[in-house]
Amino acid sequence: MKLSLTLFSSFLCASVALAANSPHKRNVFDRVKPKMEKRAAGQPFKHPELQKRASRFLTENTKEFSVNGTAVPEVPFDVGESYAGLLPISDNPSETRKLFFWFFPSTAAQNPDEIVVWLNGGPGCSSLSGLLTENGPFTWEAGTLAPVANPYSWTNLTNMIWIEQPIGVGYTQGTPDITNEVELATEFRGFWKNFISTFGMENFDMYITGESYGGYYVPYIADGFISANDTDHFNLKGISINDPIIGDETNQQQVTILPYVEYWNNLLYLNDTFLDQMRVRQAECNYDTYLETYFKFPPTAGPQPVLPDPYSSSDNNHACDQFDNFYGALLEVNPCFNIYHITETCPHPFSQLGIVNSGDYQPPNAQVYFNRTDVQEALHAVVGTNWMQCTRVNVFGNGNASSQASDASKGPANTGALQRVIEYTNNTIIGSGDLDMLLSTNGTLLAIQNMTWNGYQGLQAYPSTPLYAPYHPEYNGGALAGAGIQGKWTRERGLTFYTAHLAGHELPGYTPGVAYRMLEILLGRIDNFSNKASFTTQSGSFTGNGTVHR
């Protein structure tokens, strides 16, 4: 079974057919650890900055998009000021193709002249899944009964917009007619110019963030913004992508899967006989010598050779599909194994984002949140739209197997797109959840070692500096974040790479404190991941023993 980056043959979009897992699950614990009890505030979370005030964004041009923050279905609290709806992808009056957005102004006391875009991947998956389960003002995690306010919402720091794109995804309108990522960036650029003009954000600093197949989306869109040479509408200041596909699919996923499984096998429990067979296969496919040669810090000079595609009919190399060899075996051991977060076991919790593949669990009469009429009315979507977390429509509608963005040769680390963005912004951050098997930390690093930017190829040293997330009071027992040493990081020549030890594929959902700190760094509020200062939105420093110093 091919591990592609497209919906019907892949796992990147959301749930995996065999694993039947929603990609945005969170474990639900039946007890509270003593330290966490000490940190819990005991009162329902109420954001200290959320207040009624005159809005700089509510105008005659925007009032049609205004969302009633006290009437978002199932949400028992005011989510604050926001705007949602559809805008066309060009300024042509006859344009009917439209992207959907949900924009939240920052709750900060002083609204900054900046905005951050969030994009989920796929290709073909909705960014509203990120809002609902990762970094939005409220989250509704799989297996839980109701949404909760998110103390780690990125809106605490800055203006945030979650955008469904390209055409064919979620609530978007129109027929997909692009063939590649460059055309996708052009489509997005037309929408963005309309958005900036509608909301009066000319000259705002802007940042693009995302995950998974967003590893393609974000650099290509950012590169398109740079080439527009128009800072009134495209004033790019930085990007961030986590658990991204950025390079050659075989190199990034197949080559590194054996050492990944060996490292974690005390958790995975594959037997020695099978592992020995896979070691033989690793050698037969030359993956072992490839790693030995090219996974070095500093890297071996020159480009990495492109390995045969294990799914290509011309190469007839299916036996070298090590990823699926391991995946099938892991499902035998743990039938609820989740490639997005390898610690998970049965049962499968139901997600409000709904079924993506036939194996996903959905109880009788369950409703998909964004497919409800009352939700669509509240968000100014076209009522009756069959919203899906990941569309079954080919979003590269005019493409084919060689021209679609899943072609490994078009990876932004290989084409120069990511390099140009790093060199233009000197503010690019790439993160990786260590518990993500789909796109592992070392697979992403191998792709980075094949890229040259700002005068040198790759990282000169393996990331080893401890990453620190601040200790902090917890306001909401339904949305918690760990503190202390949470990963590793490094920075070289305008690129920061970091890991989150406890995160899976959806890093802001699993480790919201790490992701929150990342955003502070991207926006220039904090210098780096070693800084032990409190979160910039806290009123005092927290010692970790239950005391807040004001």
Protein backbone atom coordinates (compact mmCIF):
# COMPACT_ATOMS: atom_id res chain seq x y z
CA MET A 1 0.00 0.00 0.00
CA LYS A 2 1.53 3.26 -1.15
CA LEU A 3 2.27 5.91 1.45
CA SER A 4 1.47 8.81 -0.83
CA LEU A 5 0.68 12.38 0.15
CA THR A 6 -2.72 12.35 -1.51
CA LEU A 7 -5.95 11.54 0.26
CA PHE A 8 -7.01 8.17 -1.07
CA SER A 9 -3.65 6.44 -0.77
CA SER A 10 -2.19 8.34 2.14
CA PHE A 11 -2.28 9.14 5.79
CA LEU A 12 -1.25 12.80 5.76
CA CYS A 13 -4.72 14.21 5.41
CA ALA A 14 -6.15 12.92 8.66
CA SER A 15 -7.16 9.48 9.87
CA VAL A 16 -5.51 6.40 8.45
CA ALA A 17 -7.82 3.79 7.05
CA LEU A 18 -6.19 0.84 8.76
CA ALA A 19 -5.39 2.60 11.97
CA ALA A 20 -8.82 4.26 12.07
CA ASN A 21 -7.44 7.10 14.11
CA SER A 22 -8.47 10.71 14.08
CA PRO A 23 -5.19 12.61 13.71
CA HIS A 24 -6.09 15.17 16.34
CA LYS A 25 -6.80 12.82 19.25
CA ARG A 26 -5.71 13.57 22.78
CA ASN A 27 -5.44 11.02 25.53
CA VAL A 28 -8.12 11.44 28.19
CA PHE A 29 -6.81 10.58 31.66
CA ASP A 30 -9.03 9.40 34.51
CA ARG A 31 -6.92 10.90 37.26
CA VAL A 32 -5.08 14.10 38.01
CA LYS A 33 -1.42 13.97 38.94
CA PRO A 34 -0.62 15.72 42.24
CA LYS A 35 1.49 18.44 40.65
CA MET A 36 -1.14 19.16 38.03
CA GLU A 37 -3.77 19.42 40.77
CA LYS A 38 -1.63 22.03 42.48
CA ARG A 39 -1.43 24.01 39.26
CA ALA A 40 -5.13 23.84 38.39
CA ALA A 41 -6.97 27.01 39.28
CA GLY A 42 -10.25 25.39 40.30
CA GLN A 43 -12.39 27.92 38.39
CA PRO A 44 -13.54 27.72 34.76
CA PHE A 45 -11.08 29.40 32.45
CA LYS A 46 -11.91 32.96 31.52
CA HIS A 47 -9.38 34.73 29.37
CA PRO A 48 -8.18 37.87 31.23
CA GLU A 49 -7.83 39.88 28.02
CA LEU A 50 -11.25 39.01 26.51
CA GLN A 51 -13.28 42.19 26.76
CA LYS A 52 -15.84 44.16 24.85
CA ARG A 53 -14.10 47.02 23.08
CA ALA A 54 -14.27 49.07 19.94
CA SER A 55 -12.96 46.99 17.04
CA ARG A 56 -10.55 48.27 14.44
CA PHE A 57 -11.79 45.60 12.04
CA LEU A 58 -15.60 46.00 12.14
CA THR A 59 -16.44 48.23 9.17
CA GLU A 60 -19.02 48.49 6.43
CA ASN A 61 -16.80 46.21 4.34
CA THR A 62 -16.49 43.52 7.02
CA LYS A 63 -19.79 43.49 8.92
CA GLU A 64 -21.24 40.80 6.65
CA PHE A 65 -18.52 38.44 7.94
CA SER A 66 -19.00 39.20 11.65
CA VAL A 67 -19.64 36.12 13.82
CA ASN A 68 -21.69 36.33 17.03
CA GLY A 69 -19.17 35.13 19.61
CA THR A 70 -21.92 34.18 22.09
CA ALA A 71 -23.81 32.04 19.58
CA VAL A 72 -21.22 29.59 18.22
CA PRO A 73 -23.08 26.25 18.45
CA GLU A 74 -22.19 24.01 21.42
CA VAL A 75 -19.69 26.57 22.77
CA PRO A 76 -20.95 27.65 26.24
CA PHE A 77 -18.88 30.83 26.41
CA ASP A 78 -18.09 33.93 24.37
CA VAL A 79 -15.33 33.19 21.85
CA GLY A 80 -14.89 36.89 21.25
CA GLU A 81 -14.75 38.91 18.07
CA SER A 82 -14.31 36.98 14.85
CA TYR A 83 -15.15 37.07 11.17
CA ALA A 84 -15.85 34.18 8.81
CA GLY A 85 -16.94 33.66 5.24
CA LEU A 86 -15.85 33.39 1.63
CA LEU A 87 -13.70 35.67 -0.51
CA PRO A 88 -12.79 35.19 -4.20
CA ILE A 89 -9.31 34.20 -5.37
CA SER A 90 -8.99 37.18 -7.71
CA ASP A 91 -10.33 40.72 -8.11
CA ASN A 92 -12.11 39.78 -11.34
CA PRO A 93 -15.81 40.67 -10.82
CA SER A 94 -16.84 37.45 -12.55
CA GLU A 95 -14.69 35.22 -10.30
CA THR A 96 -16.81 32.52 -8.61
CA ARG A 97 -14.06 30.48 -6.96
CA LYS A 98 -13.76 31.37 -3.28
CA LEU A 99 -11.71 30.32 -0.25
CA PHE A 100 -13.19 30.14 3.24
CA PHE A 101 -11.63 31.83 6.27
CA TRP A 102 -12.24 32.28 9.99
CA PHE A 103 -10.40 35.33 11.32
CA PHE A 104 -9.95 36.12 15.03
CA PRO A 105 -8.48 39.48 16.07
CA SER A 106 -5.97 39.17 18.88
CA THR A 107 -7.19 39.46 22.47
CA ALA A 108 -3.97 41.30 23.38
CA ALA A 109 -4.46 44.66 25.10
CA GLN A 110 -2.86 46.39 22.13
CA ASN A 111 -3.86 44.83 18.83
CA PRO A 112 -0.64 44.38 16.81
CA ASP A 113 -0.17 45.37 13.18
CA GLU A 114 0.48 41.77 12.20
CA ILE A 115 -1.40 38.62 11.26
CA VAL A 116 -0.57 34.91 11.28
CA VAL A 117 -2.02 32.40 8.78
CA TRP A 118 -2.57 28.75 9.77
CA LEU A 119 -2.81 26.02 7.09
CA ASN A 120 -3.45 22.30 7.52
CA GLY A 121 -2.21 19.92 4.88
CA GLY A 122 -3.45 16.89 2.98
CA PRO A 123 -3.37 17.97 0.26
CA GLY A 124 -7.09 18.60 0.64
CA CYS A 125 -7.58 18.92 4.40
CA SER A 126 -9.38 21.71 6.20
CA SER A 127 -7.52 24.23 8.35
CA LEU A 128 -10.59 24.34 10.60
CA SER A 129 -9.35 21.05 12.03
CA GLY A 130 -6.34 22.95 13.36
CA LEU A 131 -8.60 25.61 14.85
CA LEU A 132 -10.84 23.06 16.57
CA THR A 133 -8.15 20.73 17.92
CA GLU A 134 -4.82 22.56 18.01
CA ASN A 135 -4.42 26.30 18.38
CA GLY A 136 -7.80 28.02 18.15
CA PRO A 137 -9.66 30.05 20.80
CA PHE A 138 -11.68 26.97 21.69
CA THR A 139 -10.86 23.31 21.19
CA TRP A 140 -12.98 20.17 21.03
CA GLU A 141 -10.66 17.22 21.34
CA ALA A 142 -11.59 13.70 20.26
CA GLY A 143 -13.28 11.70 22.98
CA THR A 144 -14.45 14.73 24.97
CA LEU A 145 -18.06 15.81 25.44
CA ALA A 146 -17.84 19.53 24.79
CA PRO A 147 -15.53 22.31 23.60
CA VAL A 148 -13.39 24.20 26.10
CA ALA A 149 -11.67 27.58 26.05
CA ASN A 150 -8.05 27.23 25.00
CA PRO A 151 -5.62 29.11 27.31
CA TYR A 152 -2.91 28.54 24.68
CA SER A 153 -4.87 30.00 21.77
CA TRP A 154 -2.52 31.76 19.38
CA THR A 155 -4.99 34.66 19.37
CA ASN A 156 -3.59 35.62 22.79
CA LEU A 157 -0.49 36.81 20.95
CA THR A 158 -1.59 38.06 17.57
CA ASN A 159 -4.31 38.27 14.94
CA MET A 160 -4.99 34.78 13.58
CA ILE A 161 -6.68 33.46 10.45
CA TRP A 162 -7.43 29.84 9.58
CA ILE A 163 -7.91 29.43 5.82
CA GLU A 164 -9.43 26.51 3.92
CA GLN A 165 -7.53 26.08 0.68
CA PRO A 166 -7.08 25.26 -2.15
CA ILE A 167 -10.40 25.23 -3.98
CA GLY A 168 -12.19 21.94 -3.27
CA VAL A 169 -11.48 21.90 0.50
CA GLY A 170 -14.12 22.32 3.21
CA TYR A 171 -16.47 25.25 2.61
CA THR A 172 -14.57 26.60 -0.42
CA GLN A 173 -16.57 27.19 -3.59
CA GLY A 174 -15.67 26.31 -7.15
CA THR A 175 -14.04 23.57 -9.18
CA PRO A 176 -10.32 22.83 -8.69
CA ASP A 177 -8.31 23.68 -11.79
CA ILE A 178 -4.69 23.95 -10.62
CA THR A 179 -1.93 21.45 -11.36
CA ASN A 180 0.89 22.31 -8.98
CA GLU A 181 2.04 24.31 -5.97
CA VAL A 182 3.07 27.38 -7.95
CA GLU A 183 -0.47 27.71 -9.30
CA LEU A 184 -1.80 27.08 -5.79
CA ALA A 185 0.31 29.99 -4.51
CA THR A 186 -1.08 32.26 -7.24
CA GLU A 187 -4.63 31.28 -6.27
CA PHE A 188 -3.90 31.96 -2.60
CA ARG A 189 -2.23 35.28 -3.37
CA GLY A 190 -5.37 36.53 -5.09
CA PHE A 191 -7.49 35.61 -2.08
CA TRP A 192 -5.02 37.19 0.34
CA LYS A 193 -4.97 40.51 -1.48
CA ASN A 194 -8.77 40.60 -1.27
CA PHE A 195 -8.67 39.77 2.44
CA ILE A 196 -6.09 42.43 3.27
CA SER A 197 -8.03 45.06 1.32
CA THR A 198 -11.37 44.08 2.88
CA PHE A 199 -10.06 44.26 6.45
CA GLY A 200 -7.77 47.26 5.99
CA MET A 201 -4.52 45.46 6.85
CA GLU A 202 -2.24 47.00 4.25
CA ASN A 203 1.41 46.94 5.37
CA PHE A 204 0.69 44.53 8.25
CA ASP A 205 3.56 42.16 9.04
CA MET A 206 2.41 38.68 8.15
CA TYR A 207 3.54 35.16 8.96
CA ILE A 208 2.49 31.83 7.46
CA THR A 209 2.33 28.68 9.60
CA GLY A 210 1.13 25.14 9.08
CA GLU A 211 1.85 21.44 9.37
CA SER A 212 2.15 18.15 7.49
CA TYR A 213 1.53 18.78 3.78
CA GLY A 214 1.68 22.41 4.83
CA GLY A 215 5.40 21.72 4.41
CA TYR A 216 4.63 22.21 0.71
CA TYR A 217 1.90 24.84 1.02
CA VAL A 218 3.68 27.27 3.34
CA PRO A 219 7.05 27.65 1.53
CA TYR A 220 5.46 27.84 -1.92
CA ILE A 221 2.89 30.43 -0.84
CA ALA A 222 5.59 32.39 1.00
CA ASP A 223 7.82 32.26 -2.08
CA GLY A 224 4.89 33.56 -4.11
CA PHE A 225 4.47 36.44 -1.69
CA ILE A 226 8.15 37.33 -2.02
CA SER A 227 8.00 37.29 -5.82
CA ALA A 228 4.96 39.62 -5.78
CA ASN A 229 7.24 42.44 -4.55
CA ASP A 230 4.24 44.11 -2.88
CA THR A 231 4.67 44.75 0.86
CA ASP A 232 1.32 46.55 1.04
CA HIS A 233 -0.41 43.18 0.72
CA PHE A 234 2.31 40.54 1.13
CA ASN A 235 4.61 41.84 3.86
CA LEU A 236 6.13 38.46 4.75
CA LYS A 237 8.19 38.37 7.96
CA GLY A 238 8.56 34.65 8.68
CA ILE A 239 7.17 31.13 8.41
CA SER A 240 6.80 28.11 10.65
CA ILE A 241 6.00 24.52 9.71
CA ASN A 242 5.82 21.47 11.96
CA ASP A 243 6.03 17.78 11.05
CA PRO A 244 6.32 18.81 7.41
CA ILE A 245 6.90 16.96 4.20
CA ILE A 246 9.52 19.16 2.52
CA GLY A 247 11.74 16.84 0.49
CA ASP A 248 11.93 13.53 -1.29
CA GLU A 249 9.22 11.21 -0.01
CA THR A 250 11.35 8.06 -0.14
CA ASN A 251 14.30 9.69 1.62
CA GLN A 252 12.16 11.40 4.25
CA GLN A 253 9.93 8.44 5.14
CA GLN A 254 11.29 5.10 3.95
CA VAL A 255 14.98 5.45 4.76
CA THR A 256 14.56 6.46 8.40
CA ILE A 257 11.71 4.20 9.51
CA LEU A 258 13.82 1.22 10.69
CA PRO A 259 16.01 3.21 13.11
CA TYR A 260 12.88 5.05 14.30
CA VAL A 261 11.12 1.79 15.18
CA GLU A 262 14.27 0.34 16.76
CA TYR A 263 14.56 3.41 18.99
CA TRP A 264 10.96 3.14 20.18
CA ASN A 265 10.56 -0.66 20.23
CA ASN A 266 10.27 -0.84 24.02
CA LEU A 267 6.97 0.92 23.40
CA LEU A 268 6.02 -0.76 20.11
CA TYR A 269 6.88 -4.41 20.96
CA LEU A 270 7.74 -5.81 17.53
CA ASN A 271 9.39 -9.20 17.82
CA ASP A 272 13.05 -9.90 17.07
CA THR A 273 12.32 -12.20 14.12
CA PHE A 274 10.43 -9.51 12.27
CA LEU A 275 13.01 -6.85 13.08
CA ASP A 276 15.80 -9.05 11.75
CA GLN A 277 13.84 -9.50 8.51
CA MET A 278 13.44 -5.76 8.20
CA ARG A 279 17.17 -5.21 8.79
CA VAL A 280 17.90 -7.54 5.87
CA ARG A 281 15.40 -5.63 3.73
CA GLN A 282 16.95 -2.31 4.79
CA ALA A 283 20.31 -3.50 3.46
CA GLU A 284 18.82 -4.93 0.25
CA CYS A 285 17.23 -1.56 -0.51
CA ASN A 286 20.51 0.28 0.28
CA TYR A 287 18.73 2.37 2.91
CA ASP A 288 21.36 1.51 5.53
CA THR A 289 24.31 2.73 3.45
CA TYR A 290 22.30 5.76 2.35
CA LEU A 291 21.76 6.80 5.97
CA GLU A 292 25.36 6.15 6.85
CA THR A 293 26.52 8.33 3.96
CA TYR A 294 24.07 11.23 4.02
CA PHE A 295 22.71 11.54 7.55
CA LYS A 296 25.70 13.49 8.82
CA PHE A 297 26.23 16.80 10.63
CA PRO A 298 27.73 18.66 8.84
CA PRO A 299 26.38 16.88 5.76
CA THR A 300 28.18 15.14 2.98
CA ALA A 301 28.72 17.83 0.37
CA GLY A 302 26.55 17.75 -2.71
CA PRO A 303 22.95 16.69 -3.38
CA GLN A 304 21.58 13.43 -2.06
CA PRO A 305 20.82 10.90 -4.81
CA VAL A 306 17.13 10.27 -5.42
CA LEU A 307 16.33 6.70 -4.42
CA PRO A 308 13.92 4.51 -6.43
CA ASP A 309 10.28 5.13 -5.57
CA PRO A 310 9.04 1.92 -3.87
CA TYR A 311 5.58 2.50 -5.39
CA SER A 312 6.60 3.25 -8.95
CA SER A 313 5.49 0.63 -11.45
CA SER A 314 8.57 1.34 -13.56
CA ASP A 315 10.89 0.69 -10.62
CA ASN A 316 8.91 -2.37 -9.46
CA ASN A 317 10.40 -1.84 -6.04
CA HIS A 318 7.42 -2.48 -3.75
CA ALA A 319 9.45 -4.70 -1.45
CA CYS A 320 11.35 -1.58 -0.33
CA ASP A 321 8.19 -0.01 1.04
CA GLN A 322 9.59 -0.22 4.56
CA PHE A 323 7.04 2.19 5.96
CA ASP A 324 4.09 -0.04 5.15
CA ASN A 325 6.06 -3.15 6.12
CA PHE A 326 6.33 -1.71 9.62
CA TYR A 327 2.88 -0.19 9.66
CA GLY A 328 1.19 -3.49 8.90
CA ALA A 329 3.17 -5.26 11.60
CA LEU A 330 2.43 -2.57 14.18
CA LEU A 331 -1.29 -2.89 13.51
CA GLU A 332 -1.05 -6.61 14.29
CA VAL A 333 0.47 -5.82 17.67
CA ASN A 334 -1.76 -2.83 18.42
CA PRO A 335 -4.88 -2.69 16.19
CA CYS A 336 -5.44 0.94 17.22
CA PHE A 337 -1.87 1.97 16.43
CA ASN A 338 -1.72 5.63 15.41
CA ILE A 339 1.10 6.72 13.11
CA TYR A 340 0.42 10.30 14.19
CA HIS A 341 1.14 9.58 17.87
CA ILE A 342 2.69 6.20 18.57
CA THR A 343 1.68 5.90 22.25
CA GLU A 344 -2.02 5.50 21.54
CA THR A 345 -3.92 2.26 22.08
CA CYS A 346 -7.56 1.14 21.82
CA PRO A 347 -10.31 2.26 21.81
CA HIS A 348 -10.69 4.88 19.09
CA PRO A 349 -12.35 8.04 20.44
CA PHE A 350 -14.90 9.78 18.22
CA SER A 351 -13.81 13.11 16.75
CA GLN A 352 -16.15 16.00 15.95
CA LEU A 353 -14.20 16.34 12.72
CA GLY A 354 -15.83 13.14 11.50
CA ILE A 355 -14.90 10.11 9.45
CA VAL A 356 -12.23 10.45 6.80
CA ASN A 357 -11.59 6.78 6.01
CA SER A 358 -13.80 3.72 6.27
CA GLY A 359 -12.14 2.45 9.44
CA ASP A 360 -12.76 5.57 11.52
CA TYR A 361 -15.15 5.22 14.43
CA GLN A 362 -18.39 7.15 14.52
CA PRO A 363 -21.21 6.37 16.97
CA PRO A 364 -24.80 6.13 15.71
CA ASN A 365 -26.44 9.50 14.95
CA ALA A 366 -23.20 11.40 15.54
CA GLN A 367 -22.87 14.71 13.74
CA VAL A 368 -19.77 16.23 12.21
CA TYR A 369 -19.45 19.68 13.78
CA PHE A 370 -18.73 21.70 10.66
CA ASN A 371 -21.38 19.81 8.69
CA ARG A 372 -24.19 21.05 10.94
CA THR A 373 -26.63 23.59 9.52
CA ASP A 374 -26.47 25.81 12.61
CA VAL A 375 -22.67 25.91 12.45
CA GLN A 376 -22.69 26.73 8.74
CA GLU A 377 -25.19 29.53 9.33
CA ALA A 378 -23.13 30.94 12.21
CA LEU A 379 -19.98 31.01 10.05
CA HIS A 380 -21.59 32.41 6.88
CA ALA A 381 -20.74 29.26 4.94
CA VAL A 382 -22.96 28.02 2.12
CA VAL A 383 -25.61 26.05 3.98
CA GLY A 384 -25.82 22.50 2.73
CA THR A 385 -22.12 22.21 1.92
CA ASN A 386 -20.95 18.66 2.56
CA TRP A 387 -18.00 19.67 4.74
CA MET A 388 -15.31 17.01 5.15
CA GLN A 389 -12.12 17.18 7.18
CA CYS A 390 -10.27 15.95 4.10
CA THR A 391 -11.98 16.23 0.75
CA ARG A 392 -12.45 13.38 -1.66
CA VAL A 393 -12.04 15.85 -4.51
CA ASN A 394 -8.69 16.03 -6.27
CA VAL A 395 -7.61 19.56 -5.36
CA PHE A 396 -5.07 19.46 -8.19
CA GLY A 397 -7.94 18.90 -10.58
CA ASN A 398 -6.08 19.42 -13.83
CA GLY A 399 -3.00 17.54 -12.71
CA ASN A 400 -1.82 13.99 -13.11
CA ALA A 401 0.56 11.67 -11.28
CA SER A 402 3.63 13.50 -12.56
CA SER A 403 2.37 17.07 -12.23
CA GLN A 404 0.64 16.98 -8.85
CA ALA A 405 2.43 18.31 -5.81
CA SER A 406 2.96 14.81 -4.45
CA ASP A 407 5.81 14.48 -6.97
CA ALA A 408 8.85 14.26 -4.71
CA SER A 409 10.99 16.33 -7.06
CA LYS A 410 8.80 19.33 -6.29
CA GLY A 411 9.58 19.32 -2.57
CA PRO A 412 10.34 22.90 -1.48
CA ALA A 413 13.67 21.82 0.05
CA ASN A 414 14.68 20.51 -3.39
CA THR A 415 13.37 23.23 -5.70
CA GLY A 416 14.77 26.28 -3.92
CA ALA A 417 11.43 27.57 -2.64
CA LEU A 418 12.22 26.92 1.03
CA GLN A 419 15.79 28.17 0.60
CA ARG A 420 14.55 31.48 -0.82
CA VAL A 421 12.11 31.96 2.05
CA ILE A 422 14.80 31.31 4.68
CA GLU A 423 17.20 33.74 3.02
CA TYR A 424 14.53 36.42 2.55
CA THR A 425 13.10 36.31 6.10
CA ASN A 426 15.97 34.86 8.17
CA ASN A 427 13.05 33.79 10.33
CA THR A 428 12.03 30.25 9.43
CA ILE A 429 11.12 27.66 12.07
CA ILE A 430 10.69 23.93 11.47
CA GLY A 431 9.42 21.71 14.28
CA SER A 432 8.94 17.98 14.73
CA GLY A 433 7.01 15.88 17.21
CA ASP A 434 9.22 12.98 18.29
CA LEU A 435 6.21 10.66 18.64
CA ASP A 436 5.13 11.18 15.03
CA MET A 437 5.95 8.13 12.91
CA LEU A 438 4.44 9.44 9.69
CA LEU A 439 7.05 12.18 9.28
CA SER A 440 9.75 11.45 11.80
CA THR A 441 12.24 13.91 13.23
CA ASN A 442 15.26 12.32 11.54
CA GLY A 443 13.40 12.07 8.24
CA THR A 444 12.82 15.81 8.29
CA LEU A 445 16.43 16.42 9.27
CA LEU A 446 17.62 14.24 6.38
CA ALA A 447 15.63 16.47 4.01
CA ILE A 448 17.17 19.59 5.57
CA GLN A 449 20.68 18.14 5.12
CA ASN A 450 20.04 18.13 1.37
CA MET A 451 19.33 21.88 1.25
CA THR A 452 21.78 24.77 0.90
CA TRP A 453 20.96 28.21 2.30
CA ASN A 454 22.90 31.30 3.29
CA GLY A 455 26.18 29.87 2.06
CA TYR A 456 26.26 26.37 3.54
CA GLN A 457 24.56 23.05 3.04
CA GLY A 458 22.47 21.59 5.87
CA LEU A 459 22.83 21.96 9.61
CA GLN A 460 26.39 21.81 10.86
CA ALA A 461 25.44 20.07 14.13
CA TYR A 462 22.63 17.78 15.21
CA PRO A 463 20.02 19.67 17.31
CA SER A 464 21.04 19.19 20.95
CA THR A 465 20.26 22.33 22.97
CA PRO A 466 17.52 21.67 25.57
CA LEU A 467 14.21 23.30 24.67
CA TYR A 468 12.43 24.96 27.57
CA ALA A 469 8.71 25.65 27.95
CA PRO A 470 7.85 27.97 30.85
CA TYR A 471 6.21 26.76 34.04
CA HIS A 472 2.83 28.43 34.26
CA PRO A 473 -0.42 28.42 36.19
CA GLU A 474 -3.13 26.28 34.60
CA TYR A 475 -6.46 28.03 34.21
CA ASN A 476 -8.39 25.21 32.58
CA GLY A 477 -8.26 21.51 33.46
CA GLY A 478 -9.61 20.69 30.00
CA ALA A 479 -6.65 22.29 28.22
CA LEU A 480 -3.27 21.65 29.82
CA ALA A 481 0.34 22.11 28.71
CA GLY A 482 3.57 20.63 30.00
CA ALA A 483 6.53 22.68 31.19
CA GLY A 484 10.27 22.40 31.68
CA ILE A 485 12.58 20.62 29.25
CA GLN A 486 10.29 19.60 26.40
CA GLY A 487 12.63 18.95 23.47
CA LYS A 488 15.79 20.01 21.62
CA TRP A 489 16.55 22.90 19.30
CA THR A 490 19.18 24.57 17.15
CA ARG A 491 19.45 27.69 15.00
CA GLU A 492 21.72 28.19 12.00
CA ARG A 493 21.75 30.94 9.38
CA GLY A 494 18.13 32.04 9.74
CA LEU A 495 16.63 28.56 10.26
CA THR A 496 15.49 27.27 13.65
CA PHE A 497 14.81 23.55 14.02
CA TYR A 498 13.20 22.14 17.16
CA THR A 499 11.67 18.95 18.51
CA ALA A 500 8.88 18.36 21.00
CA HIS A 501 9.46 15.11 22.88
CA LEU A 502 5.82 14.40 23.70
CA ALA A 503 4.20 15.68 20.50
CA GLY A 504 2.84 13.65 17.68
CA HIS A 505 2.05 14.87 14.18
CA GLU A 506 -0.22 17.74 15.32
CA LEU A 507 2.34 19.46 17.51
CA PRO A 508 0.26 22.40 18.84
CA GLY A 509 -2.47 19.98 19.92
CA TYR A 510 -0.20 17.60 21.82
CA THR A 511 2.26 20.15 23.28
CA PRO A 512 0.51 23.53 23.26
CA GLY A 513 3.13 25.13 25.53
CA VAL A 514 5.94 24.34 23.11
CA ALA A 515 3.92 25.61 20.15
CA TYR A 516 2.99 28.78 22.05
CA ARG A 517 6.66 29.46 22.78
CA MET A 518 7.46 28.83 19.13
CA LEU A 519 4.98 31.51 18.10
CA GLU A 520 6.49 33.96 20.57
CA ILE A 521 9.88 33.35 18.92
CA LEU A 522 8.49 33.66 15.38
CA LEU A 523 6.87 36.99 16.27
CA GLY A 524 10.02 38.29 17.95
CA ARG A 525 8.57 38.39 21.47
CA ILE A 526 11.21 35.91 22.77
CA ASP A 527 14.71 35.33 21.39
CA ASN A 528 14.97 31.51 21.47
CA PHE A 529 13.87 28.22 23.05
CA SER A 530 16.47 28.44 25.84
CA ASN A 531 14.91 31.58 27.29
CA LYS A 532 13.28 30.71 30.63
CA ALA A 533 11.15 33.84 30.89
CA SER A 534 7.44 33.37 31.44
CA PHE A 535 5.05 33.36 28.53
CA THR A 536 4.76 36.97 27.40
CA THR A 537 1.00 36.93 28.02
CA GLN A 538 1.39 36.01 31.71
CA SER A 539 1.28 38.64 34.43
CA GLY A 540 4.07 37.07 36.47
CA SER A 541 6.71 34.33 36.56
CA PHE A 542 5.76 30.86 37.73
CA THR A 543 8.23 28.74 39.69
CA GLY A 544 6.71 25.32 39.05
CA ASN A 545 5.92 24.74 42.73
CA GLY A 546 2.51 26.38 42.64
CA THR A 547 3.65 29.96 43.23
CA VAL A 548 3.22 32.88 40.89
CA HIS A 549 5.66 35.78 41.38
CA ARG A 550 4.11 39.10 40.38
